N, C-alpha and C. Protein backbone atom coordinates (compact mmCIF):
# COMPACT_ATOMS: atom_id res chain seq x y z
N UNK A 1 2.80 -38.91 36.91
CA UNK A 1 2.80 -37.51 37.30
C UNK A 1 4.19 -36.93 37.11
N UNK A 2 4.33 -35.81 36.41
CA UNK A 2 5.67 -35.24 36.19
C UNK A 2 6.23 -34.67 37.49
N UNK A 3 7.54 -34.71 37.56
CA UNK A 3 8.25 -34.10 38.68
C UNK A 3 7.99 -32.59 38.66
N UNK A 4 7.71 -32.02 39.82
CA UNK A 4 7.42 -30.59 39.88
C UNK A 4 8.72 -29.79 39.77
N UNK A 5 8.68 -28.74 38.99
CA UNK A 5 9.81 -27.86 38.77
C UNK A 5 9.63 -26.65 39.68
N UNK A 6 10.70 -26.21 40.27
CA UNK A 6 10.65 -25.00 41.09
C UNK A 6 11.02 -23.80 40.22
N UNK A 7 10.08 -22.89 40.08
CA UNK A 7 10.32 -21.69 39.27
C UNK A 7 10.62 -20.54 40.23
N UNK A 8 11.76 -19.87 40.05
CA UNK A 8 12.10 -18.76 40.94
C UNK A 8 11.11 -17.60 40.80
N UNK A 9 11.09 -16.72 41.80
CA UNK A 9 10.17 -15.58 41.80
C UNK A 9 10.36 -14.69 40.58
N UNK A 10 11.57 -14.46 40.17
CA UNK A 10 11.83 -13.65 38.98
C UNK A 10 12.57 -14.54 37.98
N UNK A 11 11.81 -15.44 37.35
CA UNK A 11 12.47 -16.43 36.49
C UNK A 11 13.01 -15.81 35.21
N UNK A 12 13.92 -16.53 34.62
CA UNK A 12 14.41 -16.18 33.29
C UNK A 12 13.39 -16.70 32.28
N UNK A 13 13.16 -15.92 31.26
CA UNK A 13 12.24 -16.30 30.19
C UNK A 13 13.08 -16.62 28.96
N UNK A 14 12.84 -17.79 28.40
CA UNK A 14 13.55 -18.21 27.20
C UNK A 14 12.52 -18.35 26.08
N UNK A 15 12.73 -17.60 25.01
CA UNK A 15 11.85 -17.68 23.85
C UNK A 15 12.33 -18.75 22.90
N UNK A 16 11.40 -19.53 22.39
CA UNK A 16 11.73 -20.49 21.34
C UNK A 16 10.83 -20.18 20.15
N UNK A 17 11.47 -19.77 19.08
CA UNK A 17 10.74 -19.39 17.87
C UNK A 17 11.06 -20.37 16.76
N UNK A 18 10.03 -20.76 16.02
CA UNK A 18 10.21 -21.69 14.91
C UNK A 18 8.96 -21.77 14.08
N UNK A 19 8.99 -22.67 13.15
CA UNK A 19 7.93 -22.74 12.15
C UNK A 19 6.72 -23.53 12.63
N UNK A 20 5.69 -23.48 11.82
CA UNK A 20 4.48 -24.26 12.04
C UNK A 20 4.65 -25.68 11.52
N UNK A 21 5.77 -25.95 10.88
CA UNK A 21 5.99 -27.25 10.24
C UNK A 21 6.08 -28.36 11.27
N UNK A 22 5.81 -29.55 10.82
CA UNK A 22 5.86 -30.73 11.68
C UNK A 22 7.04 -31.63 11.30
N UNK A 23 8.10 -31.07 10.71
CA UNK A 23 9.27 -31.85 10.32
C UNK A 23 9.82 -32.56 11.55
N UNK A 24 9.98 -33.86 11.46
CA UNK A 24 10.25 -34.72 12.63
C UNK A 24 11.49 -34.32 13.43
N UNK A 25 12.63 -34.10 12.76
CA UNK A 25 13.86 -33.78 13.49
C UNK A 25 13.73 -32.45 14.23
N UNK A 26 13.23 -31.42 13.57
CA UNK A 26 13.06 -30.12 14.21
C UNK A 26 12.02 -30.20 15.33
N UNK A 27 10.96 -30.99 15.12
CA UNK A 27 9.93 -31.15 16.14
C UNK A 27 10.54 -31.75 17.40
N UNK A 28 11.35 -32.79 17.24
CA UNK A 28 12.00 -33.45 18.38
C UNK A 28 12.98 -32.50 19.07
N UNK A 29 13.72 -31.71 18.29
CA UNK A 29 14.64 -30.73 18.88
C UNK A 29 13.86 -29.70 19.71
N UNK A 30 12.74 -29.24 19.19
CA UNK A 30 11.93 -28.26 19.92
C UNK A 30 11.40 -28.86 21.22
N UNK A 31 10.94 -30.11 21.17
CA UNK A 31 10.44 -30.76 22.37
C UNK A 31 11.53 -30.91 23.42
N UNK A 32 12.72 -31.32 23.00
CA UNK A 32 13.85 -31.47 23.92
C UNK A 32 14.27 -30.13 24.52
N UNK A 33 14.28 -29.10 23.71
CA UNK A 33 14.62 -27.77 24.21
C UNK A 33 13.60 -27.29 25.23
N UNK A 34 12.32 -27.45 24.93
CA UNK A 34 11.28 -27.04 25.88
C UNK A 34 11.42 -27.75 27.21
N UNK A 35 11.67 -29.04 27.15
CA UNK A 35 11.84 -29.83 28.37
C UNK A 35 13.05 -29.35 29.17
N UNK A 36 14.17 -29.14 28.50
CA UNK A 36 15.39 -28.72 29.19
C UNK A 36 15.25 -27.31 29.77
N UNK A 37 14.58 -26.44 29.07
CA UNK A 37 14.35 -25.08 29.57
C UNK A 37 13.56 -25.15 30.87
N UNK A 38 12.50 -25.96 30.89
CA UNK A 38 11.68 -26.11 32.10
C UNK A 38 12.47 -26.74 33.24
N UNK A 39 13.24 -27.76 32.94
CA UNK A 39 14.01 -28.45 33.99
C UNK A 39 15.04 -27.52 34.63
N UNK A 40 15.45 -26.50 33.91
CA UNK A 40 16.39 -25.53 34.48
C UNK A 40 15.66 -24.45 35.28
N UNK A 41 14.34 -24.53 35.35
CA UNK A 41 13.57 -23.56 36.13
C UNK A 41 13.23 -22.29 35.38
N UNK A 42 13.44 -22.28 34.06
CA UNK A 42 13.12 -21.12 33.25
C UNK A 42 11.69 -21.23 32.73
N UNK A 43 11.13 -20.11 32.33
CA UNK A 43 9.81 -20.06 31.72
C UNK A 43 9.99 -20.06 30.21
N UNK A 44 9.20 -20.86 29.52
CA UNK A 44 9.25 -20.93 28.06
C UNK A 44 8.24 -19.96 27.48
N UNK A 45 8.67 -19.18 26.50
CA UNK A 45 7.78 -18.28 25.76
C UNK A 45 7.82 -18.72 24.30
N UNK A 46 6.64 -18.93 23.71
CA UNK A 46 6.53 -19.26 22.29
C UNK A 46 5.41 -18.43 21.69
N UNK A 47 5.19 -18.63 20.39
CA UNK A 47 4.06 -18.00 19.73
C UNK A 47 2.74 -18.68 20.06
N UNK A 48 2.80 -19.78 20.81
CA UNK A 48 1.60 -20.41 21.34
C UNK A 48 0.80 -21.25 20.38
N UNK A 49 1.33 -21.49 19.18
CA UNK A 49 0.55 -22.20 18.18
C UNK A 49 1.01 -23.61 17.91
N UNK A 50 0.93 -23.99 16.65
CA UNK A 50 1.19 -25.35 16.20
C UNK A 50 2.67 -25.54 15.84
N UNK A 51 3.00 -26.71 15.35
CA UNK A 51 4.35 -27.00 14.87
C UNK A 51 5.37 -27.00 15.98
N UNK A 52 6.49 -26.30 15.74
CA UNK A 52 7.58 -26.29 16.72
C UNK A 52 7.18 -25.59 18.00
N UNK A 53 6.28 -24.61 17.91
CA UNK A 53 5.79 -23.93 19.12
C UNK A 53 5.09 -24.94 20.03
N UNK A 54 4.27 -25.79 19.44
CA UNK A 54 3.55 -26.80 20.21
C UNK A 54 4.51 -27.83 20.78
N UNK A 55 5.47 -28.27 19.97
CA UNK A 55 6.44 -29.28 20.43
C UNK A 55 7.23 -28.77 21.63
N UNK A 56 7.73 -27.54 21.57
CA UNK A 56 8.47 -26.97 22.69
C UNK A 56 7.57 -26.83 23.91
N UNK A 57 6.34 -26.39 23.69
CA UNK A 57 5.38 -26.22 24.79
C UNK A 57 5.10 -27.56 25.45
N UNK A 58 4.94 -28.61 24.64
CA UNK A 58 4.70 -29.94 25.19
C UNK A 58 5.87 -30.40 26.04
N UNK A 59 7.09 -30.19 25.54
CA UNK A 59 8.28 -30.59 26.30
C UNK A 59 8.35 -29.90 27.64
N UNK A 60 8.09 -28.60 27.67
CA UNK A 60 8.12 -27.84 28.93
C UNK A 60 7.00 -28.29 29.85
N UNK A 61 5.82 -28.49 29.29
CA UNK A 61 4.66 -28.90 30.08
C UNK A 61 4.89 -30.26 30.74
N UNK A 62 5.38 -31.23 29.97
CA UNK A 62 5.63 -32.57 30.49
C UNK A 62 6.67 -32.53 31.61
N UNK A 63 7.62 -31.60 31.52
CA UNK A 63 8.65 -31.46 32.56
C UNK A 63 8.14 -30.67 33.77
N UNK A 64 6.90 -30.19 33.71
CA UNK A 64 6.34 -29.44 34.83
C UNK A 64 6.60 -27.95 34.79
N UNK A 65 7.06 -27.44 33.64
CA UNK A 65 7.39 -26.03 33.51
C UNK A 65 6.20 -25.16 33.18
N UNK A 66 6.46 -23.88 33.10
CA UNK A 66 5.45 -22.87 32.79
C UNK A 66 5.65 -22.40 31.36
N UNK A 67 4.55 -22.32 30.59
CA UNK A 67 4.61 -21.94 29.18
C UNK A 67 3.73 -20.72 28.94
N UNK A 68 4.35 -19.69 28.35
CA UNK A 68 3.62 -18.48 27.94
C UNK A 68 3.49 -18.53 26.42
N UNK A 69 2.28 -18.28 25.93
CA UNK A 69 2.05 -18.22 24.49
C UNK A 69 1.62 -16.81 24.11
N UNK A 70 2.37 -16.17 23.21
CA UNK A 70 2.04 -14.83 22.71
C UNK A 70 1.25 -15.05 21.42
N UNK A 71 -0.06 -14.91 21.51
CA UNK A 71 -0.95 -15.31 20.42
C UNK A 71 -1.20 -14.18 19.43
N UNK A 72 -1.36 -14.53 18.15
CA UNK A 72 -1.60 -13.51 17.12
C UNK A 72 -3.02 -12.95 17.17
N UNK A 73 -3.95 -13.74 17.67
CA UNK A 73 -5.36 -13.36 17.63
C UNK A 73 -5.81 -12.76 18.95
N UNK A 74 -7.04 -12.26 18.96
CA UNK A 74 -7.63 -11.85 20.23
C UNK A 74 -8.69 -12.88 20.61
N UNK A 75 -9.19 -12.78 21.80
CA UNK A 75 -10.12 -13.79 22.33
C UNK A 75 -11.39 -13.90 21.49
N UNK A 76 -11.85 -12.79 20.91
CA UNK A 76 -13.09 -12.78 20.14
C UNK A 76 -12.93 -13.37 18.74
N UNK A 77 -11.71 -13.55 18.29
CA UNK A 77 -11.46 -14.10 16.95
C UNK A 77 -10.55 -15.31 17.06
N UNK A 78 -11.11 -16.46 17.45
CA UNK A 78 -10.29 -17.66 17.63
C UNK A 78 -9.58 -18.07 16.34
N UNK A 79 -8.40 -18.62 16.49
CA UNK A 79 -7.63 -19.17 15.38
C UNK A 79 -7.33 -20.62 15.71
N UNK A 80 -7.50 -21.50 14.74
CA UNK A 80 -7.25 -22.92 14.96
C UNK A 80 -5.80 -23.13 15.40
N UNK A 81 -5.64 -23.88 16.49
CA UNK A 81 -4.31 -24.19 17.00
C UNK A 81 -3.75 -23.18 17.97
N UNK A 82 -4.48 -22.09 18.22
CA UNK A 82 -4.02 -21.04 19.15
C UNK A 82 -5.03 -20.86 20.27
N UNK A 83 -4.63 -20.98 21.49
CA UNK A 83 -3.34 -21.49 21.94
C UNK A 83 -3.32 -23.01 21.86
N UNK A 84 -2.11 -23.56 21.78
CA UNK A 84 -2.03 -25.02 21.83
C UNK A 84 -2.34 -25.47 23.26
N UNK A 85 -2.63 -26.74 23.41
CA UNK A 85 -3.12 -27.24 24.70
C UNK A 85 -2.09 -27.24 25.81
N UNK A 86 -0.82 -26.91 25.52
CA UNK A 86 0.22 -26.91 26.54
C UNK A 86 0.57 -25.51 27.03
N UNK A 87 -0.09 -24.49 26.51
CA UNK A 87 0.14 -23.11 26.95
C UNK A 87 -0.56 -22.89 28.29
N UNK A 88 0.20 -22.41 29.27
CA UNK A 88 -0.37 -22.10 30.60
C UNK A 88 -0.91 -20.68 30.66
N UNK A 89 -0.16 -19.75 30.10
CA UNK A 89 -0.56 -18.34 30.10
C UNK A 89 -0.68 -17.89 28.65
N UNK A 90 -1.91 -17.66 28.21
CA UNK A 90 -2.16 -17.22 26.84
C UNK A 90 -2.31 -15.71 26.83
N UNK A 91 -1.46 -15.05 26.06
CA UNK A 91 -1.52 -13.60 25.91
C UNK A 91 -2.13 -13.31 24.55
N UNK A 92 -3.39 -12.91 24.54
CA UNK A 92 -4.11 -12.62 23.30
C UNK A 92 -3.77 -11.20 22.87
N UNK A 93 -2.98 -11.07 21.81
CA UNK A 93 -2.52 -9.73 21.40
C UNK A 93 -3.42 -9.08 20.35
N UNK A 94 -4.04 -9.87 19.47
CA UNK A 94 -4.78 -9.31 18.36
C UNK A 94 -3.86 -8.59 17.38
N UNK A 95 -2.55 -8.83 17.48
CA UNK A 95 -1.56 -8.11 16.69
C UNK A 95 -1.05 -8.90 15.48
N UNK A 96 -1.48 -10.15 15.32
CA UNK A 96 -1.03 -11.01 14.24
C UNK A 96 0.50 -10.98 14.14
N UNK A 97 1.10 -10.62 13.02
CA UNK A 97 2.56 -10.62 12.92
C UNK A 97 3.20 -9.59 13.84
N UNK A 98 2.47 -8.58 14.24
CA UNK A 98 3.01 -7.57 15.16
C UNK A 98 3.41 -8.14 16.50
N UNK A 99 2.87 -9.30 16.85
CA UNK A 99 3.24 -9.93 18.12
C UNK A 99 4.70 -10.34 18.15
N UNK A 100 5.33 -10.41 16.96
CA UNK A 100 6.73 -10.80 16.90
C UNK A 100 7.62 -9.85 17.70
N UNK A 101 7.19 -8.61 17.84
CA UNK A 101 7.94 -7.65 18.66
C UNK A 101 7.96 -8.12 20.11
N UNK A 102 6.83 -8.59 20.60
CA UNK A 102 6.75 -9.10 21.98
C UNK A 102 7.59 -10.36 22.10
N UNK A 103 7.50 -11.24 21.12
CA UNK A 103 8.29 -12.48 21.14
C UNK A 103 9.78 -12.19 21.17
N UNK A 104 10.22 -11.13 20.53
CA UNK A 104 11.64 -10.81 20.43
C UNK A 104 12.16 -10.01 21.61
N UNK A 105 11.33 -9.18 22.20
CA UNK A 105 11.80 -8.28 23.26
C UNK A 105 11.58 -8.79 24.67
N UNK A 106 10.68 -9.74 24.85
CA UNK A 106 10.35 -10.22 26.20
C UNK A 106 11.38 -11.19 26.78
N UNK A 107 11.85 -12.18 26.03
CA UNK A 107 12.72 -13.19 26.66
C UNK A 107 14.12 -12.64 26.98
N UNK A 108 14.76 -13.32 27.94
CA UNK A 108 16.15 -13.00 28.28
C UNK A 108 17.10 -13.51 27.21
N UNK A 109 16.68 -14.55 26.48
CA UNK A 109 17.38 -14.99 25.28
C UNK A 109 16.37 -15.71 24.39
N UNK A 110 16.69 -15.80 23.14
CA UNK A 110 15.79 -16.36 22.15
C UNK A 110 16.51 -17.47 21.40
N UNK A 111 15.86 -18.62 21.29
CA UNK A 111 16.39 -19.71 20.48
C UNK A 111 15.54 -19.79 19.22
N UNK A 112 16.18 -19.63 18.07
CA UNK A 112 15.50 -19.73 16.78
C UNK A 112 15.80 -21.11 16.22
N UNK A 113 14.74 -21.85 15.92
CA UNK A 113 14.89 -23.22 15.44
C UNK A 113 14.18 -23.34 14.10
N UNK A 114 14.97 -23.63 13.06
CA UNK A 114 14.41 -23.72 11.71
C UNK A 114 13.62 -22.45 11.43
N UNK A 115 12.42 -22.56 10.88
CA UNK A 115 11.56 -21.39 10.71
C UNK A 115 11.64 -20.77 9.34
N UNK A 116 10.77 -19.79 9.14
CA UNK A 116 10.66 -19.08 7.89
C UNK A 116 10.66 -17.58 8.12
N UNK A 117 9.78 -16.88 7.40
CA UNK A 117 9.76 -15.42 7.45
C UNK A 117 9.43 -14.89 8.84
N UNK A 118 8.49 -15.54 9.54
CA UNK A 118 8.15 -15.08 10.89
C UNK A 118 9.32 -15.19 11.84
N UNK A 119 10.02 -16.32 11.76
CA UNK A 119 11.20 -16.52 12.61
C UNK A 119 12.29 -15.52 12.24
N UNK A 120 12.46 -15.27 10.96
CA UNK A 120 13.45 -14.27 10.53
C UNK A 120 13.12 -12.89 11.11
N UNK A 121 11.84 -12.53 11.11
CA UNK A 121 11.48 -11.22 11.66
C UNK A 121 11.75 -11.18 13.17
N UNK A 122 11.51 -12.29 13.86
CA UNK A 122 11.78 -12.32 15.30
C UNK A 122 13.27 -12.23 15.58
N UNK A 123 14.10 -12.88 14.74
CA UNK A 123 15.55 -12.77 14.89
C UNK A 123 15.98 -11.32 14.70
N UNK A 124 15.50 -10.69 13.63
CA UNK A 124 15.88 -9.30 13.35
C UNK A 124 15.44 -8.37 14.48
N UNK A 125 14.23 -8.54 14.96
CA UNK A 125 13.74 -7.70 16.05
C UNK A 125 14.52 -7.94 17.33
N UNK A 126 14.89 -9.19 17.60
CA UNK A 126 15.68 -9.50 18.79
C UNK A 126 17.06 -8.84 18.69
N UNK A 127 17.69 -8.92 17.53
CA UNK A 127 19.00 -8.27 17.34
C UNK A 127 18.90 -6.78 17.61
N UNK A 128 17.87 -6.19 17.08
CA UNK A 128 17.68 -4.74 17.27
C UNK A 128 17.45 -4.39 18.74
N UNK A 129 16.76 -5.28 19.46
CA UNK A 129 16.44 -5.02 20.87
C UNK A 129 17.58 -5.41 21.81
N UNK A 130 18.58 -6.10 21.29
CA UNK A 130 19.67 -6.55 22.14
C UNK A 130 19.39 -7.87 22.84
N UNK A 131 18.35 -8.57 22.43
CA UNK A 131 18.05 -9.89 22.98
C UNK A 131 19.02 -10.90 22.37
N UNK A 132 19.77 -11.63 23.19
CA UNK A 132 20.69 -12.63 22.64
C UNK A 132 19.93 -13.69 21.84
N UNK A 133 20.50 -14.07 20.69
CA UNK A 133 19.87 -15.05 19.80
C UNK A 133 20.79 -16.25 19.61
N UNK A 134 20.20 -17.42 19.79
CA UNK A 134 20.87 -18.68 19.50
C UNK A 134 20.13 -19.29 18.31
N UNK A 135 20.87 -19.67 17.28
CA UNK A 135 20.25 -20.20 16.06
C UNK A 135 20.62 -21.66 15.88
N UNK A 136 19.61 -22.52 15.87
CA UNK A 136 19.79 -23.95 15.63
C UNK A 136 19.07 -24.27 14.33
N UNK A 137 19.84 -24.49 13.28
CA UNK A 137 19.28 -24.76 11.95
C UNK A 137 18.31 -23.66 11.51
N UNK A 138 18.59 -22.45 11.93
CA UNK A 138 17.73 -21.32 11.58
C UNK A 138 18.27 -20.65 10.31
N UNK A 139 17.40 -19.92 9.61
CA UNK A 139 17.83 -19.25 8.38
C UNK A 139 18.94 -18.23 8.65
N UNK A 140 19.80 -18.07 7.66
CA UNK A 140 20.84 -17.03 7.73
C UNK A 140 20.17 -15.66 7.71
N UNK A 141 20.76 -14.72 8.41
CA UNK A 141 20.21 -13.36 8.48
C UNK A 141 21.28 -12.39 7.96
N UNK A 142 21.11 -11.88 6.75
CA UNK A 142 22.11 -10.97 6.19
C UNK A 142 21.88 -9.53 6.67
N UNK A 143 21.97 -9.32 7.98
CA UNK A 143 21.71 -8.00 8.56
C UNK A 143 22.89 -7.54 9.39
N UNK A 144 22.99 -6.25 9.58
CA UNK A 144 23.97 -5.73 10.52
C UNK A 144 23.63 -6.31 11.89
N UNK A 145 24.63 -6.77 12.60
CA UNK A 145 24.42 -7.35 13.92
C UNK A 145 24.30 -8.86 13.89
N UNK A 146 24.18 -9.46 12.69
CA UNK A 146 24.01 -10.91 12.60
C UNK A 146 25.21 -11.66 13.17
N UNK A 147 26.36 -11.00 13.24
CA UNK A 147 27.54 -11.66 13.81
C UNK A 147 27.36 -11.96 15.31
N UNK A 148 26.37 -11.32 15.95
CA UNK A 148 26.09 -11.57 17.37
C UNK A 148 25.26 -12.84 17.58
N UNK A 149 24.72 -13.40 16.51
CA UNK A 149 23.93 -14.62 16.62
C UNK A 149 24.88 -15.78 16.94
N UNK A 150 24.53 -16.56 17.96
CA UNK A 150 25.30 -17.74 18.30
C UNK A 150 24.72 -18.90 17.49
N UNK A 151 25.47 -19.36 16.50
CA UNK A 151 25.01 -20.46 15.64
C UNK A 151 25.49 -21.78 16.22
N UNK A 152 24.56 -22.71 16.36
CA UNK A 152 24.88 -24.02 16.93
C UNK A 152 24.30 -25.11 16.03
N UNK A 153 24.82 -26.34 16.21
CA UNK A 153 24.39 -27.44 15.35
C UNK A 153 23.59 -28.50 16.09
N UNK A 154 23.56 -28.44 17.42
CA UNK A 154 22.86 -29.47 18.19
C UNK A 154 22.05 -28.84 19.33
N UNK A 155 21.12 -29.62 19.86
CA UNK A 155 20.33 -29.19 21.02
C UNK A 155 21.26 -28.95 22.21
N UNK A 156 22.21 -29.86 22.43
CA UNK A 156 23.14 -29.70 23.56
C UNK A 156 23.94 -28.41 23.44
N UNK A 157 24.39 -28.09 22.24
CA UNK A 157 25.15 -26.85 22.04
C UNK A 157 24.25 -25.63 22.28
N UNK A 158 22.99 -25.71 21.87
CA UNK A 158 22.05 -24.60 22.11
C UNK A 158 21.85 -24.41 23.60
N UNK A 159 21.73 -25.50 24.35
CA UNK A 159 21.53 -25.40 25.79
C UNK A 159 22.77 -24.86 26.50
N UNK A 160 23.95 -25.27 26.06
CA UNK A 160 25.19 -24.73 26.64
C UNK A 160 25.28 -23.23 26.38
N UNK A 161 24.94 -22.80 25.17
CA UNK A 161 24.95 -21.36 24.84
C UNK A 161 23.93 -20.61 25.70
N UNK A 162 22.74 -21.18 25.84
CA UNK A 162 21.71 -20.56 26.67
C UNK A 162 22.19 -20.43 28.11
N UNK A 163 22.77 -21.48 28.66
CA UNK A 163 23.27 -21.44 30.03
C UNK A 163 24.32 -20.34 30.20
N UNK A 164 25.25 -20.21 29.25
CA UNK A 164 26.27 -19.16 29.31
C UNK A 164 25.63 -17.77 29.28
N UNK A 165 24.68 -17.58 28.37
CA UNK A 165 24.03 -16.27 28.23
C UNK A 165 23.27 -15.92 29.51
N UNK A 166 22.54 -16.86 30.05
CA UNK A 166 21.71 -16.57 31.23
C UNK A 166 22.52 -16.46 32.50
N UNK A 167 23.72 -17.01 32.51
CA UNK A 167 24.60 -16.89 33.68
C UNK A 167 25.29 -15.53 33.73
N UNK A 168 25.38 -14.89 32.56
CA UNK A 168 26.13 -13.64 32.45
C UNK A 168 25.43 -12.42 32.88
């Protein structure tokens, strides 16, 4: 039985955005990040699907944390892998890629891990919204404001950056 995590009444929400890929190193990083986010008493927000979203959700779930999944589909049109089995609160948007706006604007900070075009759009939307972005092996973003992205090389560095951002 996992140790129970105490979630504050107005918890911090940390978004973790990444690809559907199952690349082993990135998958393990996502799982470790999800676990650490939960152990700190934060709520994890992901796209609620497969790949790195599932890995982060599993890490948070195993640690006893709360996982929100912002899903592309609506309840009447199921999509394989959505929500993954570790999502506690499934938000069915029916917005497909449009849900990226919710993913970018809802969290108190966003960690981008690897990823492709969807992750790039979430980074750009977060920058525009003023959501702090931490990039761990994430694609370069040649946009105005990209200098505000905190680029890190390890999970520990991402967590230290997250802790600084959320303490401020």
